[in-house]
Amino acid sequence: MSVDYYQQQAEPFYRSTINVDMTPLYQRFLPYITEGGSIVDAGCGSGRDSLYFANLGFKVTAFDASPELVKLAQQHTGLPVSVNRFEQFIATEPVDAIWACASLLHVPRAELNLVLAHLTAQLKTAGVFYCSFKYGQDDVSREGRHFTNLDEAGFGELIKDLPLSVIEQWQTGDLRPGREHERWLNVICKKEVRKA
């Protein structure tokens, strides 16, 4: 199970991700959110993105399923970070945006639709949802971690019954040094008003 991997590898994972420059992704995501808006960092890992958003004045709620990573994220950010799984997280009030960077890919395909539905329910109407997946159509397990890979068609299929519409999707290389050849699918969705 992926959480066990992060429990055992929290320190090396933290070190390998904490200084990755995510500016190109922030520049696509943040223009959709009003100044000082609320962002949930879902599967926050090291807390790198939470700290960046908080320093810009956004109200950040961060959680991760790995207690070891939560400890490191709390130390790094000074923010209250909770131990939660995606399907357990409940926002105290509807939020402006969800940031799920390289985190939902660990959810098994059979559970992904329900997890997305649950997270979407935490968003305000017209709220924004960013997520990223390794690019592909298959499911793989590597070093104790599960990966659900998605391409544009696969993601579209996943959300077809959800009140989400894709406003941007694009591919990127991995931003970590030496892994540029790995492709990622990035998607920004907006929560729609449910039609009767």
C-alpha atoms as a PDB file:
ATOM      1  CA  MET A   1       0.000   0.000   0.000  1.00  0.00           C
ATOM      2  CA  SER A   2       1.303   3.442  -0.939  1.00  0.00           C
ATOM      3  CA  VAL A   3       0.915   4.899   2.587  1.00  0.00           C
ATOM      4  CA  ASP A   4       3.307   2.264   3.972  1.00  0.00           C
ATOM      5  CA  TYR A   5       5.889   3.319   1.384  1.00  0.00           C
ATOM      6  CA  TYR A   6       5.660   6.951   2.478  1.00  0.00           C
ATOM      7  CA  GLN A   7       5.845   5.976   6.135  1.00  0.00           C
ATOM      8  CA  GLN A   8       9.136   4.195   5.505  1.00  0.00           C
ATOM      9  CA  GLN A   9      10.520   6.636   2.915  1.00  0.00           C
ATOM     10  CA  ALA A  10       9.250   9.926   4.376  1.00  0.00           C
ATOM     11  CA  GLU A  11      12.679  11.526   4.843  1.00  0.00           C
ATOM     12  CA  PRO A  12      14.160  10.701   1.405  1.00  0.00           C
ATOM     13  CA  PHE A  13      10.857  11.595  -0.299  1.00  0.00           C
ATOM     14  CA  TYR A  14      10.769  14.901   1.566  1.00  0.00           C
ATOM     15  CA  ARG A  15      14.348  15.700   0.549  1.00  0.00           C
ATOM     16  CA  SER A  16      13.752  14.787  -3.108  1.00  0.00           C
ATOM     17  CA  THR A  17      10.615  16.934  -3.485  1.00  0.00           C
ATOM     18  CA  ILE A  18      10.924  19.899  -1.122  1.00  0.00           C
ATOM     19  CA  ASN A  19      12.999  22.088  -3.457  1.00  0.00           C
ATOM     20  CA  VAL A  20      11.400  21.188  -6.801  1.00  0.00           C
ATOM     21  CA  ASP A  21      10.446  24.423  -8.608  1.00  0.00           C
ATOM     22  CA  MET A  22       6.701  24.171  -9.239  1.00  0.00           C
ATOM     23  CA  THR A  23       6.343  27.735 -10.561  1.00  0.00           C
ATOM     24  CA  PRO A  24       5.069  26.667 -14.031  1.00  0.00           C
ATOM     25  CA  LEU A  25       2.163  24.801 -12.392  1.00  0.00           C
ATOM     26  CA  TYR A  26       1.414  27.552  -9.873  1.00  0.00           C
ATOM     27  CA  GLN A  27       1.221  30.035 -12.764  1.00  0.00           C
ATOM     28  CA  ARG A  28      -1.521  27.980 -14.449  1.00  0.00           C
ATOM     29  CA  PHE A  29      -3.530  27.331 -11.255  1.00  0.00           C
ATOM     30  CA  LEU A  30      -3.475  30.487  -9.156  1.00  0.00           C
ATOM     31  CA  PRO A  31      -5.053  32.939 -11.641  1.00  0.00           C
ATOM     32  CA  TYR A  32      -8.340  31.055 -11.185  1.00  0.00           C
ATOM     33  CA  ILE A  33      -8.460  31.745  -7.438  1.00  0.00           C
ATOM     34  CA  THR A  34      -9.459  35.027  -5.836  1.00  0.00           C
ATOM     35  CA  GLU A  35      -6.871  36.758  -3.663  1.00  0.00           C
ATOM     36  CA  GLY A  36      -6.891  35.314  -0.154  1.00  0.00           C
ATOM     37  CA  GLY A  37      -9.106  32.413  -1.241  1.00  0.00           C
ATOM     38  CA  SER A  38      -9.164  28.985   0.395  1.00  0.00           C
ATOM     39  CA  ILE A  39      -7.059  26.143  -1.007  1.00  0.00           C
ATOM     40  CA  VAL A  40      -7.010  22.515   0.135  1.00  0.00           C
ATOM     41  CA  ASP A  41      -3.655  20.805  -0.483  1.00  0.00           C
ATOM     42  CA  ALA A  42      -4.885  17.215  -0.824  1.00  0.00           C
ATOM     43  CA  GLY A  43      -2.051  14.742  -0.263  1.00  0.00           C
ATOM     44  CA  CYS A  44       0.350  17.548   0.614  1.00  0.00           C
ATOM     45  CA  GLY A  45       3.500  15.415   0.966  1.00  0.00           C
ATOM     46  CA  SER A  46       6.365  17.639   2.121  1.00  0.00           C
ATOM     47  CA  GLY A  47       4.135  20.708   2.458  1.00  0.00           C
ATOM     48  CA  ARG A  48       6.129  22.523  -0.234  1.00  0.00           C
ATOM     49  CA  ASP A  49       3.045  23.789  -2.090  1.00  0.00           C
ATOM     50  CA  SER A  50       1.063  24.555   1.078  1.00  0.00           C
ATOM     51  CA  LEU A  51       3.825  26.871   2.272  1.00  0.00           C
ATOM     52  CA  TYR A  52       4.018  28.611  -1.109  1.00  0.00           C
ATOM     53  CA  PHE A  53       0.253  29.258  -1.164  1.00  0.00           C
ATOM     54  CA  ALA A  54       0.184  30.367   2.494  1.00  0.00           C
ATOM     55  CA  ASN A  55       3.031  32.827   1.871  1.00  0.00           C
ATOM     56  CA  LEU A  56       0.918  34.406  -0.889  1.00  0.00           C
ATOM     57  CA  GLY A  57      -1.917  34.976   1.575  1.00  0.00           C
ATOM     58  CA  PHE A  58      -4.199  32.095   0.645  1.00  0.00           C
ATOM     59  CA  LYS A  59      -6.043  30.212   3.408  1.00  0.00           C
ATOM     60  CA  VAL A  60      -4.504  26.739   3.221  1.00  0.00           C
ATOM     61  CA  THR A  61      -5.841  23.467   4.606  1.00  0.00           C
ATOM     62  CA  ALA A  62      -3.353  20.624   4.159  1.00  0.00           C
ATOM     63  CA  PHE A  63      -3.587  16.899   4.761  1.00  0.00           C
ATOM     64  CA  ASP A  64      -1.787  13.679   3.909  1.00  0.00           C
ATOM     65  CA  ALA A  65      -2.423  10.007   4.658  1.00  0.00           C
ATOM     66  CA  SER A  66       1.137   9.413   5.941  1.00  0.00           C
ATOM     67  CA  PRO A  67       1.634  10.472   9.591  1.00  0.00           C
ATOM     68  CA  GLU A  68       5.417  10.675   9.024  1.00  0.00           C
ATOM     69  CA  LEU A  69       5.002  13.052   6.078  1.00  0.00           C
ATOM     70  CA  VAL A  70       2.458  15.087   8.041  1.00  0.00           C
ATOM     71  CA  LYS A  71       5.076  15.606  10.785  1.00  0.00           C
ATOM     72  CA  LEU A  72       7.642  16.799   8.256  1.00  0.00           C
ATOM     73  CA  ALA A  73       5.092  19.044   6.506  1.00  0.00           C
ATOM     74  CA  GLN A  74       4.101  20.610   9.847  1.00  0.00           C
ATOM     75  CA  GLN A  75       7.757  21.320  10.648  1.00  0.00           C
ATOM     76  CA  HIS A  76       8.374  22.787   7.199  1.00  0.00           C
ATOM     77  CA  THR A  77       5.267  24.952   6.935  1.00  0.00           C
ATOM     78  CA  GLY A  78       4.297  25.817  10.504  1.00  0.00           C
ATOM     79  CA  LEU A  79       0.725  25.073   9.365  1.00  0.00           C
ATOM     80  CA  PRO A  80      -1.689  22.655  11.011  1.00  0.00           C
ATOM     81  CA  VAL A  81      -1.506  19.598   8.730  1.00  0.00           C
ATOM     82  CA  SER A  82      -3.913  16.726   9.412  1.00  0.00           C
ATOM     83  CA  VAL A  83      -3.618  12.988   8.852  1.00  0.00           C
ATOM     84  CA  ASN A  84      -6.433  12.117   6.457  1.00  0.00           C
ATOM     85  CA  ARG A  85      -7.238   9.937   3.504  1.00  0.00           C
ATOM     86  CA  PHE A  86      -8.927  11.633   0.527  1.00  0.00           C
ATOM     87  CA  GLU A  87     -12.282   9.994   1.207  1.00  0.00           C
ATOM     88  CA  GLN A  88     -12.179  11.006   4.908  1.00  0.00           C
ATOM     89  CA  PHE A  89     -11.379  14.680   4.456  1.00  0.00           C
ATOM     90  CA  ILE A  90     -14.246  17.084   5.179  1.00  0.00           C
ATOM     91  CA  ALA A  91     -13.749  20.830   4.753  1.00  0.00           C
ATOM     92  CA  THR A  92     -15.229  22.995   7.519  1.00  0.00           C
ATOM     93  CA  GLU A  93     -16.868  25.064   4.760  1.00  0.00           C
ATOM     94  CA  PRO A  94     -16.850  24.871   0.956  1.00  0.00           C
ATOM     95  CA  VAL A  95     -13.461  25.893  -0.452  1.00  0.00           C
ATOM     96  CA  ASP A  96     -12.353  27.908  -3.486  1.00  0.00           C
ATOM     97  CA  ALA A  97      -9.830  25.383  -4.766  1.00  0.00           C
ATOM     98  CA  ILE A  98      -8.320  21.929  -4.362  1.00  0.00           C
ATOM     99  CA  TRP A  99      -4.705  21.226  -5.290  1.00  0.00           C
ATOM    100  CA  ALA A 100      -3.992  17.493  -5.679  1.00  0.00           C
ATOM    101  CA  CYS A 101      -0.503  17.470  -7.162  1.00  0.00           C
ATOM    102  CA  ALA A 102       0.825  13.959  -7.866  1.00  0.00           C
ATOM    103  CA  SER A 103      -1.320  12.530  -5.065  1.00  0.00           C
ATOM    104  CA  LEU A 104      -4.566  11.114  -6.489  1.00  0.00           C
ATOM    105  CA  LEU A 105      -2.505   8.848  -8.752  1.00  0.00           C
ATOM    106  CA  HIS A 106      -2.078   6.504  -5.770  1.00  0.00           C
ATOM    107  CA  VAL A 107      -5.839   5.870  -5.548  1.00  0.00           C
ATOM    108  CA  PRO A 108      -6.825   2.573  -7.220  1.00  0.00           C
ATOM    109  CA  ARG A 109      -8.789   3.153 -10.428  1.00  0.00           C
ATOM    110  CA  ALA A 110     -11.887   1.420  -9.014  1.00  0.00           C
ATOM    111  CA  GLU A 111     -12.046   3.968  -6.157  1.00  0.00           C
ATOM    112  CA  LEU A 112     -10.991   7.085  -8.040  1.00  0.00           C
ATOM    113  CA  ASN A 113     -14.436   8.202  -9.199  1.00  0.00           C
ATOM    114  CA  LEU A 114     -15.826   8.104  -5.645  1.00  0.00           C
ATOM    115  CA  VAL A 115     -12.772   9.924  -4.265  1.00  0.00           C
ATOM    116  CA  LEU A 116     -13.094  12.653  -6.916  1.00  0.00           C
ATOM    117  CA  ALA A 117     -16.821  12.963  -6.182  1.00  0.00           C
ATOM    118  CA  HIS A 118     -16.121  13.320  -2.454  1.00  0.00           C
ATOM    119  CA  LEU A 119     -13.443  15.976  -2.973  1.00  0.00           C
ATOM    120  CA  THR A 120     -15.580  17.854  -5.506  1.00  0.00           C
ATOM    121  CA  ALA A 121     -18.320  18.029  -2.852  1.00  0.00           C
ATOM    122  CA  GLN A 122     -15.904  20.106  -0.709  1.00  0.00           C
ATOM    123  CA  LEU A 123     -15.666  22.802  -3.422  1.00  0.00           C
ATOM    124  CA  LYS A 124     -17.788  25.898  -3.802  1.00  0.00           C
ATOM    125  CA  THR A 125     -19.752  26.144  -7.034  1.00  0.00           C
ATOM    126  CA  ALA A 126     -17.274  27.447  -9.657  1.00  0.00           C
ATOM    127  CA  GLY A 127     -14.441  26.234  -7.418  1.00  0.00           C
ATOM    128  CA  VAL A 128     -11.266  25.008  -9.098  1.00  0.00           C
ATOM    129  CA  PHE A 129      -9.730  21.517  -8.907  1.00  0.00           C
ATOM    130  CA  TYR A 130      -6.145  20.850 -10.056  1.00  0.00           C
ATOM    131  CA  CYS A 131      -4.833  17.294 -10.242  1.00  0.00           C
ATOM    132  CA  SER A 132      -2.005  15.469 -11.971  1.00  0.00           C
ATOM    133  CA  PHE A 133      -1.349  11.876 -12.975  1.00  0.00           C
ATOM    134  CA  LYS A 134       1.495  10.038 -14.625  1.00  0.00           C
ATOM    135  CA  TYR A 135       0.581   9.898 -18.299  1.00  0.00           C
ATOM    136  CA  GLY A 136      -0.763   6.598 -19.626  1.00  0.00           C
ATOM    137  CA  GLN A 137      -3.657   4.178 -19.556  1.00  0.00           C
ATOM    138  CA  ASP A 138      -2.433   1.425 -17.262  1.00  0.00           C
ATOM    139  CA  ASP A 139      -2.139   0.753 -13.541  1.00  0.00           C
ATOM    140  CA  VAL A 140       1.313  -0.076 -12.215  1.00  0.00           C
ATOM    141  CA  SER A 141       2.882  -0.983  -8.890  1.00  0.00           C
ATOM    142  CA  ARG A 142       6.439   0.040  -8.185  1.00  0.00           C
ATOM    143  CA  GLU A 143       8.482  -0.206  -4.964  1.00  0.00           C
ATOM    144  CA  GLY A 144       5.360  -0.666  -2.855  1.00  0.00           C
ATOM    145  CA  ARG A 145       3.421   2.173  -4.475  1.00  0.00           C
ATOM    146  CA  HIS A 146       0.344   1.915  -6.697  1.00  0.00           C
ATOM    147  CA  PHE A 147      -0.013   4.271  -9.666  1.00  0.00           C
ATOM    148  CA  THR A 148      -3.197   4.852 -11.647  1.00  0.00           C
ATOM    149  CA  ASN A 149      -2.009   6.382 -14.920  1.00  0.00           C
ATOM    150  CA  LEU A 150      -4.386   8.503 -16.990  1.00  0.00           C
ATOM    151  CA  ASP A 151      -4.482  10.200 -20.372  1.00  0.00           C
ATOM    152  CA  GLU A 152      -6.975  12.864 -21.501  1.00  0.00           C
ATOM    153  CA  ALA A 153      -9.623  10.332 -22.571  1.00  0.00           C
ATOM    154  CA  GLY A 154      -9.259   8.345 -19.345  1.00  0.00           C
ATOM    155  CA  PHE A 155      -9.679  11.455 -17.214  1.00  0.00           C
ATOM    156  CA  GLY A 156     -12.692  12.571 -19.247  1.00  0.00           C
ATOM    157  CA  GLU A 157     -14.310   9.180 -18.691  1.00  0.00           C
ATOM    158  CA  LEU A 158     -13.603   9.416 -14.969  1.00  0.00           C
ATOM    159  CA  ILE A 159     -15.422  12.727 -14.481  1.00  0.00           C
ATOM    160  CA  LYS A 160     -18.227  12.345 -17.030  1.00  0.00           C
ATOM    161  CA  ASP A 161     -20.878  11.934 -14.301  1.00  0.00           C
ATOM    162  CA  LEU A 162     -19.348  14.518 -11.936  1.00  0.00           C
ATOM    163  CA  PRO A 163     -20.180  18.241 -11.821  1.00  0.00           C
ATOM    164  CA  LEU A 164     -16.713  19.075 -13.170  1.00  0.00           C
ATOM    165  CA  SER A 165     -15.729  20.554 -16.491  1.00  0.00           C
ATOM    166  CA  VAL A 166     -12.151  20.634 -17.764  1.00  0.00           C
ATOM    167  CA  ILE A 167     -10.926  24.190 -18.337  1.00  0.00           C
ATOM    168  CA  GLU A 168      -7.284  23.329 -19.050  1.00  0.00           C
ATOM    169  CA  GLN A 169      -5.300  20.133 -19.562  1.00  0.00           C
ATOM    170  CA  TRP A 170      -1.716  19.790 -20.660  1.00  0.00           C
ATOM    171  CA  GLN A 171       1.262  17.464 -20.498  1.00  0.00           C
ATOM    172  CA  THR A 172       4.562  18.196 -18.766  1.00  0.00           C
ATOM    173  CA  GLY A 173       7.829  16.403 -18.119  1.00  0.00           C
ATOM    174  CA  ASP A 174       8.702  15.552 -14.526  1.00  0.00           C
ATOM    175  CA  LEU A 175      10.150  18.614 -12.773  1.00  0.00           C
ATOM    176  CA  ARG A 176      12.640  16.581 -10.719  1.00  0.00           C
ATOM    177  CA  PRO A 177      16.195  16.492 -12.081  1.00  0.00           C
ATOM    178  CA  GLY A 178      16.948  13.356 -14.093  1.00  0.00           C
ATOM    179  CA  ARG A 179      13.282  12.441 -14.535  1.00  0.00           C
ATOM    180  CA  GLU A 180      12.333  14.878 -17.296  1.00  0.00           C
ATOM    181  CA  HIS A 181      11.434  11.978 -19.611  1.00  0.00           C
ATOM    182  CA  GLU A 182       8.488  10.988 -17.370  1.00  0.00           C
ATOM    183  CA  ARG A 183       5.259  12.490 -18.712  1.00  0.00           C
ATOM    184  CA  TRP A 184       2.478  13.920 -16.566  1.00  0.00           C
ATOM    185  CA  LEU A 185      -1.133  14.810 -17.328  1.00  0.00           C
ATOM    186  CA  ASN A 186      -2.163  18.058 -15.628  1.00  0.00           C
ATOM    187  CA  VAL A 187      -5.825  19.040 -15.410  1.00  0.00           C
ATOM    188  CA  ILE A 188      -7.664  22.070 -14.074  1.00  0.00           C
ATOM    189  CA  CYS A 189     -11.416  21.611 -13.671  1.00  0.00           C
ATOM    190  CA  LYS A 190     -14.192  23.893 -12.532  1.00  0.00           C
ATOM    191  CA  LYS A 191     -17.162  22.794 -10.445  1.00  0.00           C
ATOM    192  CA  GLU A 192     -20.365  23.378 -12.378  1.00  0.00           C
ATOM    193  CA  VAL A 193     -23.860  24.148 -11.218  1.00  0.00           C
ATOM    194  CA  ARG A 194     -25.729  20.854 -11.383  1.00  0.00           C
ATOM    195  CA  LYS A 195     -28.345  20.952 -14.122  1.00  0.00           C
ATOM    196  CA  ALA A 196     -31.777  19.715 -13.090  1.00  0.00           C
END
